Amino acid sequence: REYVFKNPKSLTEWICWICYLQIFGLVVDAFGIAGAFSSELLIDALGGLTGILIFVSVVLVLIWIYRANANAHQLGGSNMKFTPGWSVGWCFIPIFWFWKPYQAMKEIWQVSSNPLDWWTQEAPGLIGWWWGLFLVSNVLSSAAIRMTGGWSGEVPTGSTIWIMSDVVSILAILVTVALIKEISKIYGKTVFPSHTYVWRFRHYKYWTINAFIFNNDIFQVLGR
């Protein structure tokens, strides 16, 4: 299958801004549960807005993962274990969602770092922190919903489980932002500078050969 390389810069920026707003909402929620605010209406309104931001950010991150995996394929990563569809699909399959999304993100990092020899690349601990915090955040959120009446019930002031859930969620969001920004930076270092450099040879008879010699991993992006 042919994949089209797409610059993730714009999508990454959107995710970052929405995540920052989401963090603001979670901070307000945590302080509200702790009893720092007297206005229940304000807390409920911000809580609803934060819920919408969470949904939007999850959708955008899944789109980002799909595109990043497709980019990895297009850059020439051979024998990859995950397709763009399954790099997202495993997030929705019970049991497998505990480790498959982590493996898919790890593979994206490896191939993006070095498409020609990706299986030798060491994945950073940031990926483990990203997935670990996400799992803990989900466990705490589920526990909070069951123990305090959930979204339909009134969350009691000083509910430790909800405050813990908000704090871990904030950490998970911060690590998610750091991770996708780092992978986007990899493209900036390994793809786009070389892309500009290779085009200098376009007016020469053997420009594709020169492109191949100077940067093998960008050759497939430009085409033969």
N, C-alpha and C. Protein backbone atom coordinates (compact mmCIF):
# COMPACT_ATOMS: atom_id res chain seq x y z
N ARG A 1 0.85 -1.20 0.00
CA ARG A 1 0.00 0.00 0.00
C ARG A 1 0.88 1.25 0.00
N GLU A 2 0.48 2.26 -0.78
CA GLU A 2 1.20 3.52 -0.84
C GLU A 2 0.70 4.48 0.25
N TYR A 3 1.63 5.08 0.97
CA TYR A 3 1.28 6.04 2.00
C TYR A 3 1.79 7.42 1.63
N VAL A 4 1.05 8.45 2.01
CA VAL A 4 1.42 9.83 1.71
C VAL A 4 1.97 10.47 2.97
N PHE A 5 3.18 11.04 2.88
CA PHE A 5 3.78 11.70 4.04
C PHE A 5 3.06 13.02 4.31
N LYS A 6 2.66 13.23 5.56
CA LYS A 6 1.99 14.47 5.96
C LYS A 6 2.74 15.09 7.13
N ASN A 7 3.06 16.36 6.98
CA ASN A 7 3.74 17.09 8.04
C ASN A 7 2.81 17.20 9.26
N PRO A 8 3.22 16.67 10.42
CA PRO A 8 2.34 16.68 11.60
C PRO A 8 2.37 17.99 12.39
N LYS A 9 3.07 19.00 11.91
CA LYS A 9 3.27 20.22 12.68
C LYS A 9 1.96 20.88 13.08
N SER A 10 1.06 21.09 12.13
CA SER A 10 -0.19 21.79 12.42
C SER A 10 -1.05 21.00 13.41
N LEU A 11 -1.17 19.69 13.18
CA LEU A 11 -1.97 18.86 14.07
C LEU A 11 -1.35 18.83 15.47
N THR A 12 -0.04 18.78 15.55
CA THR A 12 0.65 18.79 16.83
C THR A 12 0.36 20.07 17.60
N GLU A 13 0.36 21.19 16.91
CA GLU A 13 0.07 22.46 17.57
C GLU A 13 -1.35 22.51 18.11
N TRP A 14 -2.30 22.01 17.34
CA TRP A 14 -3.69 21.97 17.81
C TRP A 14 -3.82 21.10 19.06
N ILE A 15 -3.18 19.95 19.04
CA ILE A 15 -3.23 19.04 20.19
C ILE A 15 -2.66 19.72 21.43
N CYS A 16 -1.54 20.40 21.25
CA CYS A 16 -0.89 21.06 22.39
C CYS A 16 -1.79 22.11 23.02
N TRP A 17 -2.40 22.96 22.20
CA TRP A 17 -3.26 24.01 22.74
C TRP A 17 -4.49 23.43 23.45
N ILE A 18 -5.09 22.41 22.86
CA ILE A 18 -6.26 21.80 23.49
C ILE A 18 -5.87 21.11 24.79
N CYS A 19 -4.70 20.48 24.80
CA CYS A 19 -4.23 19.83 26.02
C CYS A 19 -3.95 20.84 27.13
N TYR A 20 -3.41 21.99 26.78
CA TYR A 20 -3.15 23.02 27.78
C TYR A 20 -4.47 23.52 28.39
N LEU A 21 -5.46 23.70 27.54
CA LEU A 21 -6.78 24.10 28.06
C LEU A 21 -7.38 23.01 28.94
N GLN A 22 -7.15 21.77 28.54
CA GLN A 22 -7.63 20.63 29.33
C GLN A 22 -6.97 20.60 30.71
N ILE A 23 -5.69 20.89 30.74
CA ILE A 23 -4.97 20.93 32.01
C ILE A 23 -5.54 22.02 32.92
N PHE A 24 -5.82 23.19 32.34
CA PHE A 24 -6.42 24.28 33.10
C PHE A 24 -7.75 23.83 33.71
N GLY A 25 -8.56 23.16 32.92
CA GLY A 25 -9.85 22.67 33.41
C GLY A 25 -9.69 21.65 34.53
N LEU A 26 -8.71 20.77 34.42
CA LEU A 26 -8.49 19.76 35.46
C LEU A 26 -7.97 20.39 36.75
N VAL A 27 -7.14 21.41 36.61
CA VAL A 27 -6.64 22.12 37.80
C VAL A 27 -7.80 22.78 38.55
N VAL A 28 -8.66 23.45 37.79
CA VAL A 28 -9.83 24.09 38.40
C VAL A 28 -10.72 23.04 39.05
N ASP A 29 -10.90 21.91 38.39
CA ASP A 29 -11.73 20.83 38.91
C ASP A 29 -11.17 20.31 40.23
N ALA A 30 -9.84 20.11 40.26
CA ALA A 30 -9.21 19.60 41.48
C ALA A 30 -9.38 20.57 42.64
N PHE A 31 -9.18 21.87 42.37
CA PHE A 31 -9.36 22.87 43.42
C PHE A 31 -10.82 22.97 43.85
N GLY A 32 -11.72 22.80 42.87
CA GLY A 32 -13.14 22.83 43.20
C GLY A 32 -13.53 21.69 44.11
N ILE A 33 -13.02 20.49 43.82
CA ILE A 33 -13.32 19.33 44.67
C ILE A 33 -12.72 19.52 46.06
N ALA A 34 -11.56 20.18 46.10
CA ALA A 34 -10.90 20.43 47.39
C ALA A 34 -11.62 21.50 48.21
N GLY A 35 -12.63 22.15 47.60
CA GLY A 35 -13.41 23.16 48.32
C GLY A 35 -12.90 24.57 48.19
N ALA A 36 -12.08 24.83 47.15
CA ALA A 36 -11.49 26.16 46.98
C ALA A 36 -12.48 27.15 46.37
N PHE A 37 -13.55 26.64 45.73
CA PHE A 37 -14.52 27.53 45.09
C PHE A 37 -15.89 27.29 45.70
N SER A 38 -16.66 28.37 45.77
CA SER A 38 -18.01 28.27 46.33
C SER A 38 -19.09 28.16 45.26
N SER A 39 -18.74 28.54 44.04
CA SER A 39 -19.72 28.54 42.96
C SER A 39 -19.81 27.17 42.30
N GLU A 40 -20.88 26.45 42.60
CA GLU A 40 -21.08 25.13 42.00
C GLU A 40 -21.35 25.25 40.50
N LEU A 41 -22.02 26.34 40.12
CA LEU A 41 -22.34 26.54 38.71
C LEU A 41 -21.07 26.67 37.88
N LEU A 42 -20.10 27.43 38.41
CA LEU A 42 -18.84 27.60 37.70
C LEU A 42 -18.09 26.29 37.58
N ILE A 43 -18.06 25.54 38.65
CA ILE A 43 -17.36 24.25 38.65
C ILE A 43 -18.00 23.29 37.65
N ASP A 44 -19.34 23.25 37.64
CA ASP A 44 -20.05 22.35 36.72
C ASP A 44 -19.81 22.76 35.27
N ALA A 45 -19.81 24.07 35.01
CA ALA A 45 -19.60 24.56 33.64
C ALA A 45 -18.20 24.21 33.14
N LEU A 46 -17.21 24.45 33.99
CA LEU A 46 -15.83 24.13 33.61
C LEU A 46 -15.63 22.62 33.49
N GLY A 47 -16.33 21.88 34.34
CA GLY A 47 -16.25 20.42 34.25
C GLY A 47 -16.79 19.90 32.94
N GLY A 48 -17.91 20.48 32.49
CA GLY A 48 -18.48 20.09 31.21
C GLY A 48 -17.57 20.44 30.04
N LEU A 49 -16.97 21.64 30.12
CA LEU A 49 -16.05 22.08 29.07
C LEU A 49 -14.81 21.19 29.03
N THR A 50 -14.31 20.82 30.21
CA THR A 50 -13.14 19.94 30.28
C THR A 50 -13.45 18.58 29.67
N GLY A 51 -14.66 18.09 29.91
CA GLY A 51 -15.06 16.81 29.32
C GLY A 51 -15.05 16.86 27.80
N ILE A 52 -15.52 17.97 27.24
CA ILE A 52 -15.50 18.14 25.78
C ILE A 52 -14.07 18.19 25.27
N LEU A 53 -13.21 18.92 25.99
CA LEU A 53 -11.81 19.03 25.58
C LEU A 53 -11.11 17.67 25.64
N ILE A 54 -11.44 16.86 26.64
CA ILE A 54 -10.87 15.52 26.74
C ILE A 54 -11.24 14.69 25.51
N PHE A 55 -12.52 14.74 25.14
CA PHE A 55 -12.98 13.98 23.98
C PHE A 55 -12.26 14.43 22.71
N VAL A 56 -12.18 15.75 22.52
CA VAL A 56 -11.54 16.29 21.31
C VAL A 56 -10.06 15.92 21.28
N SER A 57 -9.38 16.03 22.42
CA SER A 57 -7.95 15.74 22.45
C SER A 57 -7.68 14.26 22.18
N VAL A 58 -8.53 13.38 22.70
CA VAL A 58 -8.36 11.94 22.43
C VAL A 58 -8.49 11.65 20.94
N VAL A 59 -9.51 12.25 20.30
CA VAL A 59 -9.71 12.05 18.86
C VAL A 59 -8.51 12.55 18.07
N LEU A 60 -8.02 13.74 18.41
CA LEU A 60 -6.90 14.33 17.69
C LEU A 60 -5.62 13.52 17.88
N VAL A 61 -5.39 13.02 19.10
CA VAL A 61 -4.20 12.21 19.35
C VAL A 61 -4.26 10.91 18.55
N LEU A 62 -5.44 10.31 18.46
CA LEU A 62 -5.58 9.08 17.66
C LEU A 62 -5.33 9.36 16.18
N ILE A 63 -5.79 10.51 15.70
CA ILE A 63 -5.50 10.91 14.31
C ILE A 63 -4.01 11.12 14.13
N TRP A 64 -3.38 11.74 15.12
CA TRP A 64 -1.93 11.98 15.06
C TRP A 64 -1.17 10.65 14.99
N ILE A 65 -1.57 9.68 15.82
CA ILE A 65 -0.92 8.37 15.82
C ILE A 65 -1.07 7.69 14.46
N TYR A 66 -2.28 7.79 13.88
CA TYR A 66 -2.52 7.20 12.56
C TYR A 66 -1.59 7.82 11.52
N ARG A 67 -1.50 9.14 11.52
CA ARG A 67 -0.66 9.83 10.55
C ARG A 67 0.82 9.53 10.78
N ALA A 68 1.23 9.49 12.05
CA ALA A 68 2.63 9.23 12.36
C ALA A 68 3.03 7.84 11.90
N ASN A 69 2.14 6.87 12.07
CA ASN A 69 2.44 5.51 11.61
C ASN A 69 2.51 5.46 10.08
N ALA A 70 1.58 6.16 9.42
CA ALA A 70 1.60 6.21 7.95
C ALA A 70 2.89 6.87 7.46
N ASN A 71 3.32 7.94 8.15
CA ASN A 71 4.58 8.59 7.80
C ASN A 71 5.76 7.63 7.95
N ALA A 72 5.73 6.85 9.03
CA ALA A 72 6.81 5.88 9.26
C ALA A 72 6.88 4.86 8.13
N HIS A 73 5.73 4.40 7.67
CA HIS A 73 5.69 3.47 6.53
C HIS A 73 6.24 4.15 5.28
N GLN A 74 5.84 5.41 5.06
CA GLN A 74 6.24 6.10 3.85
C GLN A 74 7.75 6.40 3.84
N LEU A 75 8.31 6.62 5.02
CA LEU A 75 9.74 6.90 5.11
C LEU A 75 10.60 5.69 4.78
N GLY A 76 9.96 4.53 4.68
CA GLY A 76 10.70 3.34 4.26
C GLY A 76 10.90 2.30 5.33
N GLY A 77 10.17 2.40 6.44
CA GLY A 77 10.31 1.40 7.49
C GLY A 77 9.82 0.04 7.02
N SER A 78 10.72 -0.90 6.86
CA SER A 78 10.36 -2.22 6.34
C SER A 78 10.02 -3.17 7.49
N ASN A 79 9.11 -4.10 7.21
CA ASN A 79 8.71 -5.12 8.18
C ASN A 79 8.14 -4.53 9.47
N MET A 80 7.45 -3.42 9.35
CA MET A 80 6.78 -2.87 10.53
C MET A 80 5.63 -3.78 10.96
N LYS A 81 5.43 -3.89 12.26
CA LYS A 81 4.41 -4.78 12.80
C LYS A 81 3.02 -4.15 12.81
N PHE A 82 2.97 -2.82 12.80
CA PHE A 82 1.69 -2.13 12.92
C PHE A 82 1.38 -1.31 11.67
N THR A 83 0.13 -1.38 11.23
CA THR A 83 -0.35 -0.51 10.16
C THR A 83 -0.97 0.72 10.82
N PRO A 84 -1.22 1.78 10.05
CA PRO A 84 -1.87 2.96 10.64
C PRO A 84 -3.19 2.62 11.33
N GLY A 85 -3.99 1.79 10.68
CA GLY A 85 -5.29 1.44 11.25
C GLY A 85 -5.18 0.70 12.57
N TRP A 86 -4.27 -0.28 12.62
CA TRP A 86 -4.14 -1.07 13.85
C TRP A 86 -3.37 -0.34 14.93
N SER A 87 -2.57 0.65 14.58
CA SER A 87 -1.90 1.43 15.62
C SER A 87 -2.94 2.19 16.45
N VAL A 88 -4.09 2.45 15.86
CA VAL A 88 -5.20 3.08 16.57
C VAL A 88 -6.20 2.03 17.05
N GLY A 89 -6.45 1.03 16.21
CA GLY A 89 -7.47 0.03 16.51
C GLY A 89 -7.25 -0.75 17.79
N TRP A 90 -5.97 -1.02 18.11
CA TRP A 90 -5.69 -1.78 19.32
C TRP A 90 -6.13 -1.05 20.59
N CYS A 91 -6.32 0.25 20.51
CA CYS A 91 -6.76 1.02 21.68
C CYS A 91 -8.17 0.66 22.09
N PHE A 92 -8.91 0.00 21.20
CA PHE A 92 -10.33 -0.27 21.46
C PHE A 92 -10.61 -1.76 21.66
N ILE A 93 -9.58 -2.58 21.70
CA ILE A 93 -9.78 -4.02 21.86
C ILE A 93 -9.37 -4.43 23.27
N PRO A 94 -10.34 -4.92 24.06
CA PRO A 94 -10.04 -5.29 25.45
C PRO A 94 -8.86 -6.24 25.58
N ILE A 95 -8.17 -6.17 26.69
CA ILE A 95 -6.97 -6.92 27.02
C ILE A 95 -5.77 -6.42 26.23
N PHE A 96 -5.88 -6.43 24.90
CA PHE A 96 -4.76 -6.00 24.06
C PHE A 96 -4.44 -4.52 24.24
N TRP A 97 -5.42 -3.74 24.70
CA TRP A 97 -5.19 -2.30 24.84
C TRP A 97 -4.22 -1.98 25.99
N PHE A 98 -3.84 -3.00 26.77
CA PHE A 98 -2.91 -2.76 27.86
C PHE A 98 -1.46 -2.63 27.39
N TRP A 99 -1.13 -3.20 26.22
CA TRP A 99 0.27 -3.12 25.77
C TRP A 99 0.45 -2.81 24.29
N LYS A 100 -0.53 -3.12 23.45
CA LYS A 100 -0.37 -2.91 22.00
C LYS A 100 -0.18 -1.44 21.63
N PRO A 101 -0.96 -0.50 22.17
CA PRO A 101 -0.73 0.92 21.82
C PRO A 101 0.68 1.40 22.18
N TYR A 102 1.20 0.88 23.29
CA TYR A 102 2.58 1.22 23.67
C TYR A 102 3.56 0.73 22.61
N GLN A 103 3.38 -0.51 22.16
CA GLN A 103 4.28 -1.07 21.15
C GLN A 103 4.18 -0.30 19.84
N ALA A 104 2.96 0.11 19.49
CA ALA A 104 2.76 0.86 18.25
C ALA A 104 3.47 2.22 18.31
N MET A 105 3.36 2.91 19.44
CA MET A 105 4.04 4.20 19.58
C MET A 105 5.56 4.03 19.60
N LYS A 106 6.02 2.97 20.24
CA LYS A 106 7.46 2.68 20.27
C LYS A 106 7.98 2.47 18.85
N GLU A 107 7.23 1.75 18.04
CA GLU A 107 7.63 1.49 16.66
C GLU A 107 7.66 2.77 15.84
N ILE A 108 6.69 3.65 16.07
CA ILE A 108 6.66 4.94 15.37
C ILE A 108 7.92 5.73 15.68
N TRP A 109 8.30 5.75 16.95
CA TRP A 109 9.53 6.47 17.35
C TRP A 109 10.75 5.88 16.67
N GLN A 110 10.86 4.56 16.70
CA GLN A 110 12.04 3.89 16.15
C GLN A 110 12.18 4.15 14.66
N VAL A 111 11.09 3.99 13.92
CA VAL A 111 11.15 4.17 12.47
C VAL A 111 11.39 5.63 12.12
N SER A 112 10.77 6.53 12.85
CA SER A 112 10.96 7.95 12.58
C SER A 112 12.40 8.36 12.83
N SER A 113 13.05 7.74 13.81
CA SER A 113 14.43 8.07 14.13
C SER A 113 15.41 7.56 13.07
N ASN A 114 15.15 6.35 12.57
CA ASN A 114 16.04 5.76 11.58
C ASN A 114 15.28 4.73 10.76
N PRO A 115 14.64 5.14 9.66
CA PRO A 115 13.81 4.22 8.88
C PRO A 115 14.55 3.01 8.32
N LEU A 116 15.84 3.15 8.05
CA LEU A 116 16.59 2.08 7.41
C LEU A 116 17.08 1.02 8.39
N ASP A 117 17.17 1.38 9.66
CA ASP A 117 17.69 0.44 10.65
C ASP A 117 16.92 0.61 11.95
N TRP A 118 15.58 0.68 11.82
CA TRP A 118 14.76 1.11 12.94
C TRP A 118 14.74 0.13 14.11
N TRP A 119 14.85 -1.15 13.84
CA TRP A 119 14.75 -2.15 14.90
C TRP A 119 15.92 -2.10 15.88
N THR A 120 16.99 -1.39 15.53
CA THR A 120 18.14 -1.25 16.44
C THR A 120 18.03 -0.01 17.33
N GLN A 121 17.03 0.81 17.09
CA GLN A 121 16.88 2.06 17.83
C GLN A 121 16.29 1.82 19.22
N GLU A 122 16.87 2.46 20.21
CA GLU A 122 16.36 2.36 21.57
C GLU A 122 15.25 3.39 21.77
N ALA A 123 14.11 2.92 22.25
CA ALA A 123 13.00 3.84 22.53
C ALA A 123 13.23 4.52 23.87
N PRO A 124 12.93 5.80 23.99
CA PRO A 124 13.14 6.51 25.26
C PRO A 124 12.14 6.10 26.33
N GLY A 125 12.51 6.34 27.58
CA GLY A 125 11.62 6.03 28.69
C GLY A 125 10.35 6.86 28.67
N LEU A 126 10.38 7.96 27.91
CA LEU A 126 9.21 8.84 27.81
C LEU A 126 7.98 8.08 27.33
N ILE A 127 8.20 7.11 26.44
CA ILE A 127 7.07 6.34 25.91
C ILE A 127 6.46 5.47 27.01
N GLY A 128 7.31 4.87 27.83
CA GLY A 128 6.80 4.07 28.94
C GLY A 128 6.04 4.91 29.95
N TRP A 129 6.55 6.10 30.25
CA TRP A 129 5.85 7.01 31.15
C TRP A 129 4.51 7.43 30.57
N TRP A 130 4.50 7.70 29.25
CA TRP A 130 3.26 8.10 28.58
C TRP A 130 2.18 7.05 28.75
N TRP A 131 2.49 5.82 28.44
CA TRP A 131 1.46 4.79 28.49
C TRP A 131 1.14 4.40 29.93
N GLY A 132 2.15 4.37 30.80
CA GLY A 132 1.91 4.02 32.19
C GLY A 132 0.99 5.02 32.88
N LEU A 133 1.26 6.31 32.67
CA LEU A 133 0.41 7.35 33.28
C LEU A 133 -1.00 7.31 32.70
N PHE A 134 -1.11 7.00 31.42
CA PHE A 134 -2.44 6.90 30.80
C PHE A 134 -3.25 5.78 31.44
N LEU A 135 -2.62 4.62 31.64
CA LEU A 135 -3.32 3.49 32.25
C LEU A 135 -3.72 3.81 33.69
N VAL A 136 -2.80 4.39 34.47
CA VAL A 136 -3.10 4.73 35.87
C VAL A 136 -4.22 5.77 35.93
N SER A 137 -4.17 6.73 35.01
CA SER A 137 -5.22 7.76 34.97
C SER A 137 -6.58 7.14 34.72
N ASN A 138 -6.66 6.19 33.81
CA ASN A 138 -7.93 5.53 33.51
C ASN A 138 -8.42 4.69 34.68
N VAL A 139 -7.50 4.02 35.36
CA VAL A 139 -7.88 3.21 36.52
C VAL A 139 -8.44 4.11 37.62
N LEU A 140 -7.77 5.22 37.90
CA LEU A 140 -8.23 6.14 38.95
C LEU A 140 -9.56 6.77 38.59
N SER A 141 -9.72 7.14 37.32
CA SER A 141 -11.00 7.75 36.89
C SER A 141 -12.14 6.77 37.05
N SER A 142 -11.90 5.51 36.64
CA SER A 142 -12.95 4.48 36.77
C SER A 142 -13.29 4.24 38.24
N ALA A 143 -12.26 4.20 39.09
CA ALA A 143 -12.48 3.99 40.52
C ALA A 143 -13.25 5.17 41.12
N ALA A 144 -12.90 6.38 40.70
CA ALA A 144 -13.57 7.57 41.22
C ALA A 144 -15.05 7.58 40.86
N ILE A 145 -15.34 7.19 39.61
CA ILE A 145 -16.73 7.16 39.16
C ILE A 145 -17.55 6.18 39.99
N ARG A 146 -16.99 5.00 40.26
CA ARG A 146 -17.72 3.97 41.00
C ARG A 146 -17.86 4.30 42.49
N MET A 147 -16.85 4.95 43.03
CA MET A 147 -16.84 5.20 44.48
C MET A 147 -17.62 6.44 44.89
N THR A 148 -17.78 7.38 43.96
CA THR A 148 -18.39 8.66 44.36
C THR A 148 -19.67 8.99 43.60
N GLY A 149 -20.18 8.07 42.81
CA GLY A 149 -21.43 8.34 42.12
C GLY A 149 -21.27 8.77 40.69
N GLY A 150 -20.03 8.94 40.26
CA GLY A 150 -19.77 9.21 38.85
C GLY A 150 -20.23 10.57 38.39
N TRP A 151 -20.36 10.66 37.06
CA TRP A 151 -20.71 11.94 36.45
C TRP A 151 -22.14 12.37 36.79
N SER A 152 -23.02 11.39 37.04
CA SER A 152 -24.42 11.73 37.31
C SER A 152 -24.66 12.10 38.78
N GLY A 153 -23.72 11.72 39.66
CA GLY A 153 -23.88 12.02 41.07
C GLY A 153 -23.04 13.21 41.48
N GLU A 154 -23.26 13.71 42.68
CA GLU A 154 -22.50 14.84 43.18
C GLU A 154 -21.20 14.35 43.80
N VAL A 155 -20.10 14.89 43.32
CA VAL A 155 -18.80 14.49 43.84
C VAL A 155 -18.59 15.18 45.18
N PRO A 156 -18.34 14.45 46.25
CA PRO A 156 -18.19 15.06 47.57
C PRO A 156 -16.92 15.91 47.66
N THR A 157 -17.04 17.03 48.38
CA THR A 157 -15.88 17.91 48.58
C THR A 157 -14.77 17.16 49.31
N GLY A 158 -13.55 17.33 48.81
CA GLY A 158 -12.41 16.67 49.44
C GLY A 158 -12.24 15.23 49.01
N SER A 159 -12.91 14.81 47.94
CA SER A 159 -12.79 13.44 47.45
C SER A 159 -11.37 13.18 46.97
N THR A 160 -10.61 12.43 47.74
CA THR A 160 -9.20 12.19 47.43
C THR A 160 -9.03 11.46 46.10
N ILE A 161 -9.88 10.51 45.82
CA ILE A 161 -9.73 9.71 44.61
C ILE A 161 -9.88 10.56 43.35
N TRP A 162 -10.81 11.55 43.40
CA TRP A 162 -11.00 12.42 42.24
C TRP A 162 -9.82 13.37 42.08
N ILE A 163 -9.32 13.89 43.18
CA ILE A 163 -8.16 14.78 43.12
C ILE A 163 -6.95 14.03 42.58
N MET A 164 -6.74 12.79 43.04
CA MET A 164 -5.65 11.97 42.53
C MET A 164 -5.81 11.71 41.04
N SER A 165 -7.04 11.45 40.62
CA SER A 165 -7.32 11.22 39.21
C SER A 165 -6.97 12.43 38.37
N ASP A 166 -7.34 13.63 38.86
CA ASP A 166 -7.03 14.86 38.14
C ASP A 166 -5.52 15.09 38.03
N VAL A 167 -4.80 14.84 39.13
CA VAL A 167 -3.35 15.07 39.15
C VAL A 167 -2.65 14.14 38.17
N VAL A 168 -3.00 12.86 38.21
CA VAL A 168 -2.36 11.89 37.30
C VAL A 168 -2.74 12.20 35.86
N SER A 169 -3.97 12.62 35.63
CA SER A 169 -4.40 12.98 34.27
C SER A 169 -3.58 14.15 33.74
N ILE A 170 -3.31 15.13 34.59
CA ILE A 170 -2.49 16.28 34.19
C ILE A 170 -1.09 15.82 33.79
N LEU A 171 -0.50 14.93 34.61
CA LEU A 171 0.82 14.40 34.29
C LEU A 171 0.81 13.63 32.98
N ALA A 172 -0.24 12.84 32.77
CA ALA A 172 -0.36 12.06 31.53
C ALA A 172 -0.46 12.98 30.31
N ILE A 173 -1.20 14.06 30.45
CA ILE A 173 -1.35 15.02 29.35
C ILE A 173 -0.02 15.69 29.04
N LEU A 174 0.71 16.10 30.08
CA LEU A 174 2.00 16.76 29.88
C LEU A 174 2.98 15.84 29.17
N VAL A 175 3.00 14.57 29.56
CA VAL A 175 3.91 13.61 28.91
C VAL A 175 3.47 13.35 27.47
N THR A 176 2.16 13.30 27.23
CA THR A 176 1.66 13.12 25.86
C THR A 176 2.11 14.26 24.96
N VAL A 177 1.97 15.49 25.45
CA VAL A 177 2.41 16.66 24.69
C VAL A 177 3.91 16.58 24.40
N ALA A 178 4.69 16.23 25.43
CA ALA A 178 6.14 16.13 25.25
C ALA A 178 6.50 15.07 24.22
N LEU A 179 5.78 13.95 24.24
CA LEU A 179 6.08 12.84 23.33
C LEU A 179 5.81 13.19 21.88
N ILE A 180 4.63 13.73 21.61
CA ILE A 180 4.30 14.04 20.21
C ILE A 180 5.15 15.19 19.69
N LYS A 181 5.53 16.11 20.58
CA LYS A 181 6.42 17.20 20.15
C LYS A 181 7.81 16.67 19.82
N GLU A 182 8.29 15.70 20.58
CA GLU A 182 9.60 15.13 20.32
C GLU A 182 9.63 14.38 19.00
N ILE A 183 8.58 13.61 18.72
CA ILE A 183 8.53 12.89 17.44
C ILE A 183 8.42 13.87 16.29
N SER A 184 7.66 14.94 16.47
CA SER A 184 7.56 15.97 15.43
C SER A 184 8.93 16.63 15.19
N LYS A 185 9.71 16.81 16.28
CA LYS A 185 11.05 17.38 16.14
C LYS A 185 11.96 16.46 15.35
N ILE A 186 11.75 15.15 15.51
CA ILE A 186 12.56 14.19 14.75
C ILE A 186 12.37 14.41 13.26
N TYR A 187 11.12 14.64 12.85
CA TYR A 187 10.86 14.92 11.43
C TYR A 187 11.58 16.18 11.00
N GLY A 188 11.60 17.17 11.88
CA GLY A 188 12.27 18.42 11.55
C GLY A 188 13.76 18.25 11.35
N LYS A 189 14.35 17.29 12.07
CA LYS A 189 15.79 17.08 11.98
C LYS A 189 16.17 16.13 10.85
N THR A 190 15.34 15.10 10.62
CA THR A 190 15.73 14.05 9.68
C THR A 190 15.05 14.13 8.32
N VAL A 191 13.94 14.86 8.24
CA VAL A 191 13.18 14.89 6.99
C VAL A 191 13.24 16.23 6.30
N PHE A 192 12.72 17.26 6.95
CA PHE A 192 12.52 18.53 6.25
C PHE A 192 13.80 19.28 5.91
N PRO A 193 14.85 19.29 6.76
CA PRO A 193 16.08 19.92 6.32
C PRO A 193 16.66 19.24 5.09
N SER A 194 16.62 17.90 5.07
CA SER A 194 17.13 17.15 3.93
C SER A 194 16.26 17.37 2.70
N HIS A 195 14.95 17.55 2.95
CA HIS A 195 14.03 17.80 1.85
C HIS A 195 14.45 19.05 1.09
N THR A 196 14.80 20.12 1.82
CA THR A 196 15.25 21.36 1.19
C THR A 196 16.58 21.15 0.47
N TYR A 197 17.45 20.39 1.11
CA TYR A 197 18.78 20.17 0.55
C TYR A 197 18.71 19.37 -0.75
N VAL A 198 17.86 18.36 -0.75
CA VAL A 198 17.75 17.50 -1.92
C VAL A 198 17.22 18.26 -3.13
N TRP A 199 16.29 19.19 -2.88
CA TRP A 199 15.70 19.92 -4.00
C TRP A 199 16.72 20.78 -4.74
N ARG A 200 17.86 21.05 -4.15
CA ARG A 200 18.90 21.81 -4.83
C ARG A 200 19.41 21.07 -6.06
N PHE A 201 19.26 19.77 -6.04
CA PHE A 201 19.77 18.95 -7.13
C PHE A 201 18.73 18.72 -8.23
N ARG A 202 17.57 19.32 -8.05
CA ARG A 202 16.49 19.04 -8.98
C ARG A 202 16.82 19.44 -10.41
N HIS A 203 17.60 20.50 -10.57
CA HIS A 203 17.90 21.00 -11.91
C HIS A 203 19.11 20.32 -12.55
N TYR A 204 19.67 19.36 -11.81
CA TYR A 204 20.81 18.64 -12.35
C TYR A 204 20.36 17.29 -12.91
N LYS A 205 21.14 16.80 -13.82
CA LYS A 205 20.76 15.58 -14.53
C LYS A 205 20.64 14.39 -13.59
N TYR A 206 21.51 14.31 -12.59
CA TYR A 206 21.54 13.14 -11.73
C TYR A 206 21.10 13.47 -10.30
N TRP A 207 20.12 14.37 -10.19
CA TRP A 207 19.73 14.84 -8.86
C TRP A 207 19.19 13.73 -7.97
N THR A 208 18.50 12.74 -8.55
CA THR A 208 17.95 11.66 -7.72
C THR A 208 19.07 10.79 -7.15
N ILE A 209 20.13 10.60 -7.88
CA ILE A 209 21.26 9.83 -7.40
C ILE A 209 21.94 10.58 -6.25
N ASN A 210 22.11 11.88 -6.41
CA ASN A 210 22.70 12.69 -5.35
C ASN A 210 21.84 12.67 -4.10
N ALA A 211 20.52 12.73 -4.30
CA ALA A 211 19.61 12.70 -3.17
C ALA A 211 19.75 11.38 -2.42
N PHE A 212 19.89 10.31 -3.17
CA PHE A 212 20.00 8.99 -2.55
C PHE A 212 21.29 8.88 -1.74
N ILE A 213 22.37 9.43 -2.26
CA ILE A 213 23.66 9.36 -1.58
C ILE A 213 23.65 10.19 -0.30
N PHE A 214 23.07 11.40 -0.36
CA PHE A 214 23.14 12.29 0.78
C PHE A 214 22.13 11.91 1.86
N ASN A 215 21.02 11.37 1.48
CA ASN A 215 20.02 11.02 2.49
C ASN A 215 19.13 9.91 1.97
N ASN A 216 19.48 8.72 2.28
CA ASN A 216 18.76 7.56 1.77
C ASN A 216 17.32 7.51 2.27
N ASP A 217 17.10 7.94 3.53
CA ASP A 217 15.78 7.79 4.11
C ASP A 217 14.77 8.77 3.52
N ILE A 218 15.22 9.84 2.85
CA ILE A 218 14.27 10.80 2.26
C ILE A 218 13.98 10.48 0.81
N PHE A 219 14.67 9.53 0.27
CA PHE A 219 14.55 9.22 -1.16
C PHE A 219 13.14 8.82 -1.53
N GLN A 220 12.51 7.99 -0.68
CA GLN A 220 11.16 7.53 -0.99
C GLN A 220 10.12 8.64 -0.82
N VAL A 221 10.41 9.61 0.02
CA VAL A 221 9.46 10.71 0.22
C VAL A 221 9.32 11.54 -1.06
N LEU A 222 10.46 11.78 -1.72
CA LEU A 222 10.46 12.60 -2.93
C LEU A 222 10.07 11.79 -4.16
N GLY A 223 10.36 10.51 -4.11
CA GLY A 223 10.06 9.68 -5.28
C GLY A 223 11.27 9.56 -6.19
N ARG A 224 11.28 8.51 -6.98
CA ARG A 224 12.41 8.29 -7.89
C ARG A 224 12.24 9.11 -9.16
